Amino acid sequence: MTTAEERELYAELTLQCAESVPRGRVTTYGAIADVVGERLGRGGPRLVGNVMATHGAAVPWWRVVRADGSLPPSHDEEARQAYLEEGTPLRPNGSVDLARAFWAPRLGAQ
């Protein structure tokens, strides 16, 4: 990202993707990066993670997970409670069962 405006747009689109994930479903940092990258031609999973860490408190952040279905350990307990409340499919080890819970993020027309 080169300008503040571009960084702001990337963050806005990332958060829009996170907000689109329905209850009981999840998406991955990489899937959001692919969708936003298709629109803007840049970014990646780490940038999505940075946006979520910086600006994601107001969106259902627990619905965005790593490619293996896990969240960073600092978020495990709060996320697990949300998963149980929403009926998100989990594996015996506590991570999200991506085969059953994955949601492909999308962006509205702009």
N, C-alpha and C. Protein backbone atom coordinates (compact mmCIF):
# COMPACT_ATOMS: atom_id res chain seq x y z
N MET A 1 0.86 -1.17 0.00
CA MET A 1 0.00 0.00 0.00
C MET A 1 0.91 1.23 0.00
N THR A 2 0.56 2.15 -0.83
CA THR A 2 1.43 3.31 -0.92
C THR A 2 0.83 4.57 -0.32
N THR A 3 -0.45 4.76 -0.40
CA THR A 3 -1.04 5.99 0.14
C THR A 3 -2.00 5.65 1.28
N ALA A 4 -2.28 6.64 2.10
CA ALA A 4 -3.23 6.46 3.19
C ALA A 4 -4.60 6.08 2.63
N GLU A 5 -4.97 6.65 1.53
CA GLU A 5 -6.27 6.34 0.91
C GLU A 5 -6.34 4.87 0.49
N GLU A 6 -5.26 4.35 -0.09
CA GLU A 6 -5.23 2.95 -0.50
C GLU A 6 -5.28 2.02 0.72
N ARG A 7 -4.56 2.38 1.77
CA ARG A 7 -4.59 1.57 2.99
C ARG A 7 -5.99 1.57 3.61
N GLU A 8 -6.63 2.72 3.60
CA GLU A 8 -7.98 2.84 4.14
C GLU A 8 -8.97 2.00 3.34
N LEU A 9 -8.85 2.03 2.01
CA LEU A 9 -9.73 1.22 1.17
C LEU A 9 -9.50 -0.26 1.41
N TYR A 10 -8.24 -0.68 1.54
CA TYR A 10 -7.94 -2.08 1.81
C TYR A 10 -8.59 -2.50 3.13
N ALA A 11 -8.45 -1.67 4.15
CA ALA A 11 -9.04 -1.98 5.45
C ALA A 11 -10.56 -2.05 5.34
N GLU A 12 -11.16 -1.12 4.65
CA GLU A 12 -12.61 -1.10 4.50
C GLU A 12 -13.12 -2.36 3.81
N LEU A 13 -12.47 -2.77 2.75
CA LEU A 13 -12.88 -3.97 2.02
C LEU A 13 -12.65 -5.24 2.84
N THR A 14 -11.56 -5.28 3.59
CA THR A 14 -11.27 -6.41 4.46
C THR A 14 -12.36 -6.56 5.52
N LEU A 15 -12.71 -5.45 6.15
CA LEU A 15 -13.74 -5.48 7.19
C LEU A 15 -15.11 -5.83 6.60
N GLN A 16 -15.36 -5.37 5.38
CA GLN A 16 -16.61 -5.71 4.70
C GLN A 16 -16.70 -7.22 4.49
N CYS A 17 -15.60 -7.84 4.11
CA CYS A 17 -15.57 -9.30 3.94
C CYS A 17 -15.83 -10.00 5.28
N ALA A 18 -15.17 -9.55 6.32
CA ALA A 18 -15.35 -10.16 7.64
C ALA A 18 -16.81 -10.05 8.10
N GLU A 19 -17.42 -8.90 7.85
CA GLU A 19 -18.82 -8.70 8.24
C GLU A 19 -19.78 -9.58 7.46
N SER A 20 -19.38 -10.01 6.27
CA SER A 20 -20.27 -10.80 5.42
C SER A 20 -20.35 -12.27 5.84
N VAL A 21 -19.48 -12.71 6.72
CA VAL A 21 -19.46 -14.11 7.12
C VAL A 21 -20.64 -14.37 8.07
N PRO A 22 -21.52 -15.31 7.72
CA PRO A 22 -22.70 -15.58 8.57
C PRO A 22 -22.34 -16.26 9.89
N ARG A 23 -23.25 -16.18 10.82
CA ARG A 23 -23.10 -16.88 12.11
C ARG A 23 -22.87 -18.36 11.85
N GLY A 24 -21.97 -18.94 12.64
CA GLY A 24 -21.70 -20.37 12.53
C GLY A 24 -20.78 -20.75 11.39
N ARG A 25 -20.28 -19.78 10.66
CA ARG A 25 -19.37 -20.03 9.53
C ARG A 25 -18.10 -19.23 9.75
N VAL A 26 -17.04 -19.56 9.03
CA VAL A 26 -15.78 -18.83 9.09
C VAL A 26 -15.19 -18.69 7.70
N THR A 27 -14.25 -17.79 7.59
CA THR A 27 -13.41 -17.69 6.40
C THR A 27 -11.98 -17.56 6.88
N THR A 28 -11.05 -17.50 5.95
CA THR A 28 -9.64 -17.42 6.33
C THR A 28 -9.04 -16.08 5.93
N TYR A 29 -7.92 -15.77 6.56
CA TYR A 29 -7.19 -14.56 6.19
C TYR A 29 -6.84 -14.60 4.70
N GLY A 30 -6.42 -15.77 4.23
CA GLY A 30 -6.05 -15.92 2.83
C GLY A 30 -7.20 -15.73 1.87
N ALA A 31 -8.39 -16.24 2.24
CA ALA A 31 -9.56 -16.09 1.38
C ALA A 31 -9.95 -14.63 1.25
N ILE A 32 -9.89 -13.90 2.36
CA ILE A 32 -10.18 -12.46 2.30
C ILE A 32 -9.13 -11.75 1.47
N ALA A 33 -7.87 -12.13 1.65
CA ALA A 33 -6.79 -11.51 0.87
C ALA A 33 -7.00 -11.73 -0.62
N ASP A 34 -7.46 -12.92 -0.99
CA ASP A 34 -7.72 -13.21 -2.41
C ASP A 34 -8.82 -12.31 -2.97
N VAL A 35 -9.91 -12.17 -2.23
CA VAL A 35 -11.05 -11.37 -2.70
C VAL A 35 -10.67 -9.89 -2.78
N VAL A 36 -10.05 -9.38 -1.74
CA VAL A 36 -9.67 -7.96 -1.74
C VAL A 36 -8.56 -7.72 -2.75
N GLY A 37 -7.62 -8.66 -2.86
CA GLY A 37 -6.54 -8.54 -3.82
C GLY A 37 -7.04 -8.54 -5.25
N GLU A 38 -8.10 -9.31 -5.51
CA GLU A 38 -8.69 -9.32 -6.84
C GLU A 38 -9.24 -7.94 -7.21
N ARG A 39 -9.80 -7.27 -6.23
CA ARG A 39 -10.36 -5.93 -6.45
C ARG A 39 -9.27 -4.87 -6.56
N LEU A 40 -8.25 -4.97 -5.68
CA LEU A 40 -7.25 -3.90 -5.60
C LEU A 40 -5.89 -4.25 -6.20
N GLY A 41 -5.68 -5.53 -6.49
CA GLY A 41 -4.42 -5.94 -7.09
C GLY A 41 -3.24 -5.97 -6.14
N ARG A 42 -3.52 -6.07 -4.84
CA ARG A 42 -2.43 -6.13 -3.86
C ARG A 42 -2.93 -6.64 -2.53
N GLY A 43 -1.97 -6.95 -1.65
CA GLY A 43 -2.30 -7.42 -0.30
C GLY A 43 -1.99 -8.88 -0.14
N GLY A 44 -2.29 -9.39 1.03
CA GLY A 44 -2.05 -10.79 1.35
C GLY A 44 -2.59 -11.11 2.72
N PRO A 45 -2.49 -12.38 3.14
CA PRO A 45 -3.04 -12.79 4.44
C PRO A 45 -2.47 -12.01 5.62
N ARG A 46 -1.20 -11.70 5.58
CA ARG A 46 -0.60 -10.95 6.70
C ARG A 46 -1.19 -9.55 6.80
N LEU A 47 -1.44 -8.93 5.66
CA LEU A 47 -2.05 -7.60 5.68
C LEU A 47 -3.49 -7.68 6.21
N VAL A 48 -4.21 -8.72 5.82
CA VAL A 48 -5.56 -8.92 6.36
C VAL A 48 -5.48 -9.08 7.87
N GLY A 49 -4.53 -9.86 8.35
CA GLY A 49 -4.34 -10.04 9.79
C GLY A 49 -4.05 -8.73 10.49
N ASN A 50 -3.23 -7.90 9.86
CA ASN A 50 -2.92 -6.59 10.43
C ASN A 50 -4.16 -5.72 10.51
N VAL A 51 -4.95 -5.72 9.45
CA VAL A 51 -6.19 -4.94 9.45
C VAL A 51 -7.12 -5.45 10.55
N MET A 52 -7.26 -6.76 10.66
CA MET A 52 -8.15 -7.31 11.68
C MET A 52 -7.65 -6.97 13.08
N ALA A 53 -6.35 -7.03 13.30
CA ALA A 53 -5.80 -6.71 14.61
C ALA A 53 -5.96 -5.24 14.96
N THR A 54 -5.88 -4.40 13.95
CA THR A 54 -5.94 -2.95 14.17
C THR A 54 -7.36 -2.41 14.18
N HIS A 55 -8.20 -2.92 13.29
CA HIS A 55 -9.54 -2.34 13.10
C HIS A 55 -10.69 -3.34 13.27
N GLY A 56 -10.40 -4.59 13.57
CA GLY A 56 -11.43 -5.63 13.53
C GLY A 56 -12.30 -5.80 14.75
N ALA A 57 -12.11 -5.01 15.79
CA ALA A 57 -12.88 -5.20 17.02
C ALA A 57 -14.38 -5.04 16.81
N ALA A 58 -14.79 -4.23 15.85
CA ALA A 58 -16.21 -3.96 15.64
C ALA A 58 -16.90 -4.96 14.71
N VAL A 59 -16.14 -5.90 14.16
CA VAL A 59 -16.71 -6.91 13.27
C VAL A 59 -16.55 -8.28 13.94
N PRO A 60 -17.22 -9.32 13.46
CA PRO A 60 -17.09 -10.65 14.06
C PRO A 60 -15.73 -11.27 13.73
N TRP A 61 -14.69 -10.79 14.39
CA TRP A 61 -13.30 -11.18 14.11
C TRP A 61 -13.06 -12.67 14.29
N TRP A 62 -13.82 -13.32 15.17
CA TRP A 62 -13.63 -14.75 15.42
C TRP A 62 -14.00 -15.59 14.21
N ARG A 63 -14.69 -14.98 13.25
CA ARG A 63 -15.07 -15.71 12.04
C ARG A 63 -13.99 -15.67 10.97
N VAL A 64 -12.85 -15.07 11.28
CA VAL A 64 -11.70 -15.05 10.36
C VAL A 64 -10.58 -15.82 11.06
N VAL A 65 -10.19 -16.94 10.45
CA VAL A 65 -9.24 -17.85 11.09
C VAL A 65 -8.04 -18.12 10.17
N ARG A 66 -7.06 -18.79 10.74
CA ARG A 66 -5.90 -19.22 9.94
C ARG A 66 -6.32 -20.36 9.02
N ALA A 67 -5.47 -20.66 8.06
CA ALA A 67 -5.77 -21.70 7.07
C ALA A 67 -5.98 -23.08 7.70
N ASP A 68 -5.48 -23.29 8.93
CA ASP A 68 -5.68 -24.57 9.60
C ASP A 68 -6.90 -24.56 10.52
N GLY A 69 -7.67 -23.46 10.51
CA GLY A 69 -8.87 -23.36 11.33
C GLY A 69 -8.65 -22.80 12.71
N SER A 70 -7.43 -22.36 13.00
CA SER A 70 -7.14 -21.85 14.33
C SER A 70 -7.04 -20.33 14.35
N LEU A 71 -7.10 -19.79 15.55
CA LEU A 71 -6.88 -18.37 15.79
C LEU A 71 -5.59 -18.24 16.59
N PRO A 72 -5.01 -17.05 16.64
CA PRO A 72 -3.86 -16.87 17.52
C PRO A 72 -4.28 -17.23 18.96
N PRO A 73 -3.40 -17.87 19.73
CA PRO A 73 -3.74 -18.34 21.07
C PRO A 73 -4.34 -17.26 21.99
N SER A 74 -3.98 -16.02 21.82
CA SER A 74 -4.50 -14.97 22.69
C SER A 74 -6.01 -14.77 22.53
N HIS A 75 -6.60 -15.30 21.47
CA HIS A 75 -8.03 -15.12 21.21
C HIS A 75 -8.85 -16.41 21.40
N ASP A 76 -8.19 -17.49 21.73
CA ASP A 76 -8.86 -18.80 21.77
C ASP A 76 -10.12 -18.83 22.64
N GLU A 77 -10.03 -18.39 23.87
CA GLU A 77 -11.15 -18.55 24.79
C GLU A 77 -12.39 -17.75 24.36
N GLU A 78 -12.19 -16.50 24.01
CA GLU A 78 -13.31 -15.66 23.57
C GLU A 78 -13.92 -16.19 22.27
N ALA A 79 -13.05 -16.61 21.35
CA ALA A 79 -13.53 -17.15 20.08
C ALA A 79 -14.29 -18.46 20.31
N ARG A 80 -13.75 -19.32 21.15
CA ARG A 80 -14.42 -20.60 21.41
C ARG A 80 -15.83 -20.38 21.94
N GLN A 81 -16.00 -19.42 22.83
CA GLN A 81 -17.33 -19.12 23.35
C GLN A 81 -18.27 -18.69 22.21
N ALA A 82 -17.77 -17.83 21.31
CA ALA A 82 -18.58 -17.38 20.17
C ALA A 82 -18.92 -18.56 19.26
N TYR A 83 -17.95 -19.46 19.03
CA TYR A 83 -18.21 -20.63 18.18
C TYR A 83 -19.32 -21.50 18.78
N LEU A 84 -19.26 -21.71 20.08
CA LEU A 84 -20.27 -22.54 20.74
C LEU A 84 -21.64 -21.88 20.66
N GLU A 85 -21.71 -20.58 20.88
CA GLU A 85 -22.97 -19.85 20.81
C GLU A 85 -23.56 -19.87 19.40
N GLU A 86 -22.69 -19.82 18.39
CA GLU A 86 -23.15 -19.76 17.00
C GLU A 86 -23.31 -21.13 16.36
N GLY A 87 -22.87 -22.18 17.04
CA GLY A 87 -22.96 -23.52 16.47
C GLY A 87 -21.95 -23.77 15.37
N THR A 88 -20.80 -23.12 15.44
CA THR A 88 -19.74 -23.31 14.44
C THR A 88 -19.16 -24.71 14.58
N PRO A 89 -19.06 -25.48 13.49
CA PRO A 89 -18.49 -26.82 13.57
C PRO A 89 -17.02 -26.77 14.02
N LEU A 90 -16.72 -27.56 15.05
CA LEU A 90 -15.36 -27.61 15.60
C LEU A 90 -14.81 -29.02 15.49
N ARG A 91 -13.48 -29.10 15.46
CA ARG A 91 -12.79 -30.38 15.51
C ARG A 91 -12.59 -30.75 16.98
N PRO A 92 -12.25 -31.99 17.27
CA PRO A 92 -12.00 -32.39 18.66
C PRO A 92 -10.88 -31.57 19.33
N ASN A 93 -9.92 -31.07 18.55
CA ASN A 93 -8.83 -30.28 19.13
C ASN A 93 -9.23 -28.84 19.41
N GLY A 94 -10.47 -28.45 19.07
CA GLY A 94 -10.94 -27.10 19.37
C GLY A 94 -10.85 -26.12 18.21
N SER A 95 -10.11 -26.48 17.17
CA SER A 95 -10.05 -25.58 16.01
C SER A 95 -11.32 -25.74 15.18
N VAL A 96 -11.55 -24.79 14.32
CA VAL A 96 -12.74 -24.83 13.47
C VAL A 96 -12.58 -25.91 12.41
N ASP A 97 -13.64 -26.63 12.15
CA ASP A 97 -13.67 -27.63 11.09
C ASP A 97 -13.94 -26.90 9.78
N LEU A 98 -12.88 -26.52 9.07
CA LEU A 98 -13.02 -25.73 7.85
C LEU A 98 -13.81 -26.45 6.76
N ALA A 99 -13.72 -27.77 6.71
CA ALA A 99 -14.47 -28.49 5.68
C ALA A 99 -15.98 -28.27 5.83
N ARG A 100 -16.43 -28.06 7.05
CA ARG A 100 -17.86 -27.87 7.29
C ARG A 100 -18.25 -26.41 7.51
N ALA A 101 -17.31 -25.57 7.92
CA ALA A 101 -17.66 -24.20 8.32
C ALA A 101 -17.21 -23.12 7.35
N PHE A 102 -16.42 -23.46 6.34
CA PHE A 102 -15.85 -22.42 5.47
C PHE A 102 -16.92 -21.66 4.69
N TRP A 103 -16.75 -20.36 4.64
CA TRP A 103 -17.62 -19.45 3.89
C TRP A 103 -16.72 -18.66 2.94
N ALA A 104 -17.01 -18.67 1.67
CA ALA A 104 -16.23 -17.90 0.70
C ALA A 104 -16.65 -16.43 0.78
N PRO A 105 -15.73 -15.56 1.18
CA PRO A 105 -16.09 -14.14 1.30
C PRO A 105 -16.34 -13.52 -0.05
N ARG A 106 -17.14 -12.47 -0.06
CA ARG A 106 -17.42 -11.73 -1.30
C ARG A 106 -17.56 -10.27 -0.98
N LEU A 107 -17.38 -9.48 -2.00
CA LEU A 107 -17.56 -8.05 -1.88
C LEU A 107 -18.75 -7.63 -2.72
N GLY A 108 -19.49 -6.67 -2.23
CA GLY A 108 -20.58 -6.11 -3.02
C GLY A 108 -20.05 -5.31 -4.19
N ALA A 109 -20.87 -5.03 -5.15
CA ALA A 109 -20.47 -4.24 -6.32
C ALA A 109 -20.12 -2.83 -5.88
N GLN A 110 -19.08 -2.29 -6.49
CA GLN A 110 -18.70 -0.90 -6.20
C GLN A 110 -18.36 -0.18 -7.47
